[in-house]
Amino acid sequence: WNRDVMNLAPFNKKWQAFGWHVIEVDGHDLTQLIDAFRQAKLVKGQPTVIIAHTIKGKGGK
């Protein structure tokens, strides 16, 4: 329902427009998350945001 009130897509483009380095990952994949944090530590001269795409309740029963 948030998209009906305030659609933020494309989210990554908004961060990039403000000069941020954007890293997008599958938020359910631990390897991708660890790699993203490692990559973020290497970025110099600009802030970094990690966008972790997730699905609420994924993996739950």
Protein backbone atom coordinates (compact mmCIF):
# COMPACT_ATOMS: atom_id res chain seq x y z
CA TRP A 1 0.00 0.00 0.00
CA ASN A 2 2.99 2.34 0.41
CA ARG A 3 3.32 2.63 -3.37
CA ASP A 4 -0.15 4.19 -3.47
CA VAL A 5 0.82 6.84 -0.91
CA MET A 6 4.41 7.61 -1.91
CA ASN A 7 6.09 5.63 -4.66
CA LEU A 8 9.86 5.70 -4.10
CA ALA A 9 10.78 3.68 -7.20
CA PRO A 10 13.31 3.69 -8.70
CA PHE A 11 14.89 3.79 -5.25
CA ASN A 12 18.49 3.29 -6.42
CA LYS A 13 18.30 6.24 -8.84
CA LYS A 14 17.26 8.58 -6.04
CA TRP A 15 20.33 7.66 -3.98
CA GLN A 16 22.60 8.00 -7.02
CA ALA A 17 21.15 11.44 -7.76
CA PHE A 18 22.40 12.60 -4.36
CA GLY A 19 25.90 11.25 -5.00
CA TRP A 20 25.70 7.97 -3.14
CA HIS A 21 27.36 4.74 -4.28
CA VAL A 22 24.56 2.16 -4.53
CA ILE A 23 24.94 -1.58 -4.02
CA GLU A 24 21.85 -3.76 -4.54
CA VAL A 25 21.65 -7.34 -3.27
CA ASP A 26 19.23 -10.13 -2.48
CA GLY A 27 18.70 -9.50 1.22
CA HIS A 28 18.06 -13.21 1.83
CA ASP A 29 21.49 -14.20 0.47
CA LEU A 30 24.11 -13.96 3.21
CA THR A 31 26.99 -14.25 0.73
CA GLN A 32 25.70 -11.28 -1.26
CA LEU A 33 25.28 -9.25 1.92
CA ILE A 34 28.81 -9.99 3.11
CA ASP A 35 30.22 -9.12 -0.33
CA ALA A 36 28.24 -5.87 -0.34
CA PHE A 37 29.71 -4.82 3.02
CA ARG A 38 33.20 -5.65 1.80
CA GLN A 39 32.64 -3.66 -1.39
CA ALA A 40 31.20 -0.73 0.58
CA LYS A 41 34.33 -0.55 2.74
CA LEU A 42 36.44 -0.10 -0.42
CA VAL A 43 34.50 2.91 -1.71
CA LYS A 44 36.29 6.18 -0.99
CA GLY A 45 35.08 9.74 -1.40
CA GLN A 46 31.34 9.11 -1.31
CA PRO A 47 28.81 7.52 1.00
CA THR A 48 27.46 4.06 0.23
CA VAL A 49 23.99 2.63 0.62
CA ILE A 50 23.22 -1.09 0.46
CA ILE A 51 19.72 -1.84 -0.80
CA ALA A 52 18.79 -5.35 0.30
CA HIS A 53 15.76 -6.65 -1.59
CA THR A 54 13.73 -8.87 0.72
CA ILE A 55 10.35 -10.56 0.91
CA LYS A 56 8.56 -10.29 4.25
CA GLY A 57 8.16 -13.72 5.81
CA LYS A 58 10.34 -15.54 3.28
CA GLY A 59 11.52 -18.82 4.77
CA GLY A 60 9.03 -18.67 7.62
CA LYS A 61 6.35 -21.28 8.24
